[in-house]
Amino acid sequence: MIDPAYAIAAIVGMTAVTLALRAAPFLAAPLLKRFPMVENLGRFLPSAIMTLLMLHTLRGHASANPAGVWQELVAIGVTVVLQLWLRHALASILAGTALYVVFRNVAFFH
């Protein structure tokens, strides 16, 4: 049996490390904005990460979908069009994800 004090100390320690890791980018942002490379990464990295996630989805989940890859491709297409039109990543991602969830969970689309 684990000592309760040890368990609580471990949980508190893990919580502190997790919160510190989550807060670090926000705390370091004012210092990092002075570097042009960081600004370039800020413009480039979100699109690169979304592209990698999209490719991972198409390779993994889409190949296992019995209906084929059309659901994923349509959801990705909607996301891309909305991003180009609205220039609002959160809205684009939410709309594409919602459409994909509807495709996968409504029997009409199977």
N, C-alpha and C. Protein backbone atom coordinates (compact mmCIF):
# COMPACT_ATOMS: atom_id res chain seq x y z
N MET A 1 0.84 -1.18 0.00
CA MET A 1 0.00 0.00 0.00
C MET A 1 0.88 1.25 0.00
N ILE A 2 0.52 2.20 -0.81
CA ILE A 2 1.28 3.45 -0.90
C ILE A 2 0.91 4.34 0.28
N ASP A 3 1.93 4.95 0.83
CA ASP A 3 1.73 5.89 1.92
C ASP A 3 0.93 7.09 1.41
N PRO A 4 -0.17 7.47 2.08
CA PRO A 4 -0.99 8.59 1.59
C PRO A 4 -0.21 9.90 1.44
N ALA A 5 0.71 10.17 2.32
CA ALA A 5 1.49 11.40 2.22
C ALA A 5 2.36 11.38 0.96
N TYR A 6 2.92 10.22 0.64
CA TYR A 6 3.73 10.08 -0.57
C TYR A 6 2.86 10.28 -1.82
N ALA A 7 1.67 9.69 -1.81
CA ALA A 7 0.77 9.83 -2.95
C ALA A 7 0.36 11.28 -3.16
N ILE A 8 0.03 11.98 -2.09
CA ILE A 8 -0.36 13.38 -2.20
C ILE A 8 0.82 14.22 -2.69
N ALA A 9 2.01 13.96 -2.16
CA ALA A 9 3.20 14.70 -2.61
C ALA A 9 3.47 14.45 -4.09
N ALA A 10 3.30 13.22 -4.53
CA ALA A 10 3.50 12.91 -5.95
C ALA A 10 2.49 13.64 -6.83
N ILE A 11 1.23 13.67 -6.40
CA ILE A 11 0.19 14.36 -7.18
C ILE A 11 0.46 15.85 -7.22
N VAL A 12 0.83 16.42 -6.08
CA VAL A 12 1.15 17.85 -6.04
C VAL A 12 2.35 18.15 -6.94
N GLY A 13 3.36 17.32 -6.90
CA GLY A 13 4.53 17.51 -7.75
C GLY A 13 4.18 17.43 -9.22
N MET A 14 3.41 16.43 -9.60
CA MET A 14 3.02 16.28 -11.00
C MET A 14 2.15 17.46 -11.45
N THR A 15 1.27 17.93 -10.56
CA THR A 15 0.44 19.08 -10.89
C THR A 15 1.29 20.32 -11.11
N ALA A 16 2.26 20.54 -10.24
CA ALA A 16 3.13 21.71 -10.37
C ALA A 16 3.92 21.67 -11.67
N VAL A 17 4.46 20.53 -12.02
CA VAL A 17 5.22 20.41 -13.27
C VAL A 17 4.31 20.62 -14.48
N THR A 18 3.12 20.04 -14.45
CA THR A 18 2.19 20.20 -15.57
C THR A 18 1.80 21.66 -15.75
N LEU A 19 1.46 22.33 -14.65
CA LEU A 19 1.09 23.75 -14.74
C LEU A 19 2.26 24.60 -15.22
N ALA A 20 3.46 24.30 -14.75
CA ALA A 20 4.64 25.06 -15.18
C ALA A 20 4.88 24.88 -16.68
N LEU A 21 4.72 23.66 -17.17
CA LEU A 21 4.92 23.42 -18.60
C LEU A 21 3.85 24.12 -19.44
N ARG A 22 2.63 24.18 -18.93
CA ARG A 22 1.55 24.86 -19.65
C ARG A 22 1.75 26.38 -19.63
N ALA A 23 2.26 26.91 -18.54
CA ALA A 23 2.42 28.36 -18.39
C ALA A 23 3.69 28.88 -19.05
N ALA A 24 4.68 28.04 -19.22
CA ALA A 24 5.99 28.49 -19.73
C ALA A 24 5.89 29.25 -21.05
N PRO A 25 5.16 28.78 -22.06
CA PRO A 25 5.11 29.55 -23.32
C PRO A 25 4.53 30.95 -23.14
N PHE A 26 3.53 31.08 -22.26
CA PHE A 26 2.92 32.39 -22.06
C PHE A 26 3.85 33.32 -21.28
N LEU A 27 4.57 32.77 -20.34
CA LEU A 27 5.51 33.57 -19.57
C LEU A 27 6.73 33.97 -20.40
N ALA A 28 7.14 33.11 -21.31
CA ALA A 28 8.33 33.37 -22.12
C ALA A 28 8.02 34.18 -23.37
N ALA A 29 6.75 34.32 -23.73
CA ALA A 29 6.39 35.00 -24.98
C ALA A 29 6.97 36.41 -25.09
N PRO A 30 6.87 37.24 -24.06
CA PRO A 30 7.45 38.59 -24.22
C PRO A 30 8.95 38.57 -24.50
N LEU A 31 9.66 37.63 -23.91
CA LEU A 31 11.10 37.54 -24.14
C LEU A 31 11.41 37.02 -25.54
N LEU A 32 10.61 36.07 -26.01
CA LEU A 32 10.88 35.43 -27.30
C LEU A 32 10.48 36.28 -28.49
N LYS A 33 9.58 37.24 -28.29
CA LYS A 33 9.12 38.06 -29.41
C LYS A 33 10.23 38.94 -29.99
N ARG A 34 11.32 39.06 -29.27
CA ARG A 34 12.43 39.88 -29.76
C ARG A 34 13.20 39.19 -30.89
N PHE A 35 13.01 37.88 -31.04
CA PHE A 35 13.78 37.12 -32.02
C PHE A 35 12.96 36.90 -33.30
N PRO A 36 13.49 37.29 -34.47
CA PRO A 36 12.75 37.13 -35.72
C PRO A 36 12.42 35.66 -36.03
N MET A 37 13.30 34.74 -35.65
CA MET A 37 13.05 33.33 -35.93
C MET A 37 11.79 32.84 -35.21
N VAL A 38 11.57 33.32 -34.01
CA VAL A 38 10.38 32.93 -33.25
C VAL A 38 9.12 33.46 -33.93
N GLU A 39 9.19 34.68 -34.45
CA GLU A 39 8.05 35.23 -35.18
C GLU A 39 7.75 34.40 -36.42
N ASN A 40 8.78 34.00 -37.15
CA ASN A 40 8.59 33.15 -38.33
C ASN A 40 7.97 31.81 -37.95
N LEU A 41 8.44 31.23 -36.86
CA LEU A 41 7.85 29.97 -36.40
C LEU A 41 6.39 30.15 -36.02
N GLY A 42 6.06 31.27 -35.43
CA GLY A 42 4.68 31.55 -35.05
C GLY A 42 3.75 31.64 -36.24
N ARG A 43 4.27 32.07 -37.36
CA ARG A 43 3.45 32.12 -38.59
C ARG A 43 3.39 30.77 -39.30
N PHE A 44 4.47 30.01 -39.23
CA PHE A 44 4.59 28.78 -40.02
C PHE A 44 4.12 27.54 -39.27
N LEU A 45 4.41 27.45 -37.99
CA LEU A 45 4.21 26.22 -37.23
C LEU A 45 2.75 25.77 -37.12
N PRO A 46 1.77 26.65 -36.87
CA PRO A 46 0.39 26.16 -36.77
C PRO A 46 -0.08 25.44 -38.03
N SER A 47 0.25 26.00 -39.20
CA SER A 47 -0.15 25.34 -40.46
C SER A 47 0.57 24.00 -40.63
N ALA A 48 1.83 23.95 -40.25
CA ALA A 48 2.59 22.71 -40.38
C ALA A 48 2.03 21.64 -39.46
N ILE A 49 1.68 22.02 -38.24
CA ILE A 49 1.11 21.05 -37.30
C ILE A 49 -0.24 20.55 -37.79
N MET A 50 -1.09 21.47 -38.30
CA MET A 50 -2.40 21.03 -38.82
C MET A 50 -2.23 20.10 -40.01
N THR A 51 -1.24 20.37 -40.85
CA THR A 51 -0.99 19.50 -42.00
C THR A 51 -0.56 18.11 -41.54
N LEU A 52 0.34 18.05 -40.58
CA LEU A 52 0.78 16.76 -40.06
C LEU A 52 -0.37 15.98 -39.42
N LEU A 53 -1.22 16.66 -38.67
CA LEU A 53 -2.38 15.98 -38.07
C LEU A 53 -3.34 15.47 -39.15
N MET A 54 -3.52 16.26 -40.20
CA MET A 54 -4.38 15.83 -41.30
C MET A 54 -3.82 14.59 -41.99
N LEU A 55 -2.53 14.58 -42.24
CA LEU A 55 -1.91 13.42 -42.89
C LEU A 55 -1.99 12.19 -42.00
N HIS A 56 -1.81 12.38 -40.71
CA HIS A 56 -1.91 11.27 -39.76
C HIS A 56 -3.33 10.70 -39.78
N THR A 57 -4.32 11.58 -39.81
CA THR A 57 -5.71 11.14 -39.84
C THR A 57 -6.00 10.37 -41.12
N LEU A 58 -5.54 10.89 -42.24
CA LEU A 58 -5.82 10.22 -43.51
C LEU A 58 -5.13 8.86 -43.59
N ARG A 59 -3.95 8.76 -43.05
CA ARG A 59 -3.24 7.50 -43.12
C ARG A 59 -3.79 6.47 -42.13
N GLY A 60 -4.15 6.92 -40.94
CA GLY A 60 -4.59 6.01 -39.90
C GLY A 60 -6.07 5.73 -39.91
N HIS A 61 -6.86 6.69 -39.49
CA HIS A 61 -8.29 6.47 -39.30
C HIS A 61 -9.04 6.33 -40.62
N ALA A 62 -8.65 7.07 -41.63
CA ALA A 62 -9.37 7.02 -42.89
C ALA A 62 -9.23 5.66 -43.55
N SER A 63 -8.08 5.04 -43.43
CA SER A 63 -7.90 3.74 -44.07
C SER A 63 -8.71 2.66 -43.37
N ALA A 64 -9.08 2.89 -42.11
CA ALA A 64 -9.88 1.91 -41.37
C ALA A 64 -11.38 2.17 -41.50
N ASN A 65 -11.76 3.25 -42.15
CA ASN A 65 -13.17 3.60 -42.29
C ASN A 65 -13.80 2.77 -43.41
N PRO A 66 -14.83 1.98 -43.10
CA PRO A 66 -15.44 1.15 -44.13
C PRO A 66 -16.13 1.96 -45.23
N ALA A 67 -16.49 3.19 -44.96
CA ALA A 67 -17.15 4.02 -45.98
C ALA A 67 -16.15 4.63 -46.95
N GLY A 68 -14.88 4.47 -46.68
CA GLY A 68 -13.85 5.06 -47.54
C GLY A 68 -13.33 6.36 -46.96
N VAL A 69 -12.56 7.05 -47.77
CA VAL A 69 -11.91 8.27 -47.27
C VAL A 69 -12.69 9.54 -47.60
N TRP A 70 -13.84 9.42 -48.22
CA TRP A 70 -14.57 10.62 -48.65
C TRP A 70 -14.97 11.50 -47.48
N GLN A 71 -15.31 10.91 -46.35
CA GLN A 71 -15.72 11.71 -45.19
C GLN A 71 -14.56 12.59 -44.70
N GLU A 72 -13.41 12.01 -44.60
CA GLU A 72 -12.24 12.76 -44.16
C GLU A 72 -11.87 13.85 -45.16
N LEU A 73 -11.90 13.50 -46.44
CA LEU A 73 -11.53 14.47 -47.47
C LEU A 73 -12.50 15.65 -47.51
N VAL A 74 -13.80 15.39 -47.36
CA VAL A 74 -14.78 16.48 -47.36
C VAL A 74 -14.58 17.36 -46.13
N ALA A 75 -14.38 16.75 -44.95
CA ALA A 75 -14.17 17.53 -43.73
C ALA A 75 -12.90 18.37 -43.83
N ILE A 76 -11.84 17.79 -44.38
CA ILE A 76 -10.60 18.55 -44.56
C ILE A 76 -10.80 19.68 -45.56
N GLY A 77 -11.51 19.40 -46.65
CA GLY A 77 -11.80 20.43 -47.64
C GLY A 77 -12.58 21.60 -47.06
N VAL A 78 -13.59 21.30 -46.26
CA VAL A 78 -14.37 22.36 -45.60
C VAL A 78 -13.48 23.16 -44.67
N THR A 79 -12.63 22.48 -43.93
CA THR A 79 -11.72 23.18 -43.01
C THR A 79 -10.78 24.11 -43.77
N VAL A 80 -10.22 23.64 -44.86
CA VAL A 80 -9.29 24.46 -45.65
C VAL A 80 -10.01 25.66 -46.25
N VAL A 81 -11.18 25.43 -46.83
CA VAL A 81 -11.93 26.54 -47.45
C VAL A 81 -12.31 27.58 -46.40
N LEU A 82 -12.79 27.13 -45.25
CA LEU A 82 -13.15 28.08 -44.20
C LEU A 82 -11.93 28.84 -43.69
N GLN A 83 -10.79 28.16 -43.59
CA GLN A 83 -9.58 28.85 -43.13
C GLN A 83 -9.15 29.91 -44.14
N LEU A 84 -9.19 29.59 -45.42
CA LEU A 84 -8.82 30.56 -46.44
C LEU A 84 -9.80 31.74 -46.50
N TRP A 85 -11.07 31.45 -46.23
CA TRP A 85 -12.10 32.48 -46.30
C TRP A 85 -12.13 33.34 -45.04
N LEU A 86 -12.19 32.68 -43.85
CA LEU A 86 -12.36 33.41 -42.60
C LEU A 86 -11.06 33.82 -41.93
N ARG A 87 -9.98 33.08 -42.19
CA ARG A 87 -8.70 33.31 -41.52
C ARG A 87 -8.84 33.20 -40.00
N HIS A 88 -9.64 32.23 -39.56
CA HIS A 88 -9.86 32.01 -38.13
C HIS A 88 -9.71 30.51 -37.89
N ALA A 89 -8.52 30.12 -37.40
CA ALA A 89 -8.18 28.71 -37.28
C ALA A 89 -9.16 27.95 -36.39
N LEU A 90 -9.54 28.53 -35.25
CA LEU A 90 -10.42 27.82 -34.33
C LEU A 90 -11.78 27.53 -34.97
N ALA A 91 -12.34 28.52 -35.64
CA ALA A 91 -13.64 28.32 -36.29
C ALA A 91 -13.53 27.27 -37.40
N SER A 92 -12.47 27.32 -38.18
CA SER A 92 -12.28 26.37 -39.26
C SER A 92 -12.15 24.94 -38.73
N ILE A 93 -11.33 24.78 -37.70
CA ILE A 93 -11.11 23.45 -37.13
C ILE A 93 -12.39 22.92 -36.49
N LEU A 94 -13.09 23.77 -35.76
CA LEU A 94 -14.35 23.32 -35.12
C LEU A 94 -15.38 22.91 -36.16
N ALA A 95 -15.51 23.68 -37.23
CA ALA A 95 -16.49 23.35 -38.27
C ALA A 95 -16.12 22.04 -38.96
N GLY A 96 -14.86 21.87 -39.32
CA GLY A 96 -14.43 20.64 -39.98
C GLY A 96 -14.58 19.43 -39.06
N THR A 97 -14.24 19.61 -37.80
CA THR A 97 -14.38 18.50 -36.84
C THR A 97 -15.85 18.15 -36.64
N ALA A 98 -16.71 19.16 -36.49
CA ALA A 98 -18.14 18.90 -36.31
C ALA A 98 -18.71 18.16 -37.52
N LEU A 99 -18.33 18.58 -38.71
CA LEU A 99 -18.80 17.90 -39.92
C LEU A 99 -18.33 16.45 -39.94
N TYR A 100 -17.08 16.22 -39.58
CA TYR A 100 -16.55 14.86 -39.56
C TYR A 100 -17.27 13.99 -38.54
N VAL A 101 -17.57 14.55 -37.37
CA VAL A 101 -18.30 13.79 -36.34
C VAL A 101 -19.69 13.44 -36.85
N VAL A 102 -20.35 14.36 -37.54
CA VAL A 102 -21.66 14.06 -38.11
C VAL A 102 -21.55 12.95 -39.14
N PHE A 103 -20.57 13.05 -40.02
CA PHE A 103 -20.37 12.01 -41.03
C PHE A 103 -20.18 10.64 -40.40
N ARG A 104 -19.36 10.57 -39.36
CA ARG A 104 -19.04 9.27 -38.76
C ARG A 104 -20.15 8.71 -37.88
N ASN A 105 -21.04 9.56 -37.37
CA ASN A 105 -22.02 9.09 -36.40
C ASN A 105 -23.45 9.04 -36.91
N VAL A 106 -23.74 9.62 -38.04
CA VAL A 106 -25.10 9.58 -38.59
C VAL A 106 -25.15 8.43 -39.61
N ALA A 107 -26.10 7.53 -39.40
CA ALA A 107 -26.19 6.32 -40.22
C ALA A 107 -26.38 6.63 -41.70
N PHE A 108 -26.99 7.74 -42.03
CA PHE A 108 -27.24 8.10 -43.43
C PHE A 108 -25.96 8.16 -44.24
N PHE A 109 -24.83 8.52 -43.61
CA PHE A 109 -23.58 8.72 -44.33
C PHE A 109 -22.73 7.45 -44.41
N HIS A 110 -23.23 6.34 -43.97
CA HIS A 110 -22.42 5.10 -43.98
C HIS A 110 -22.69 4.27 -45.21
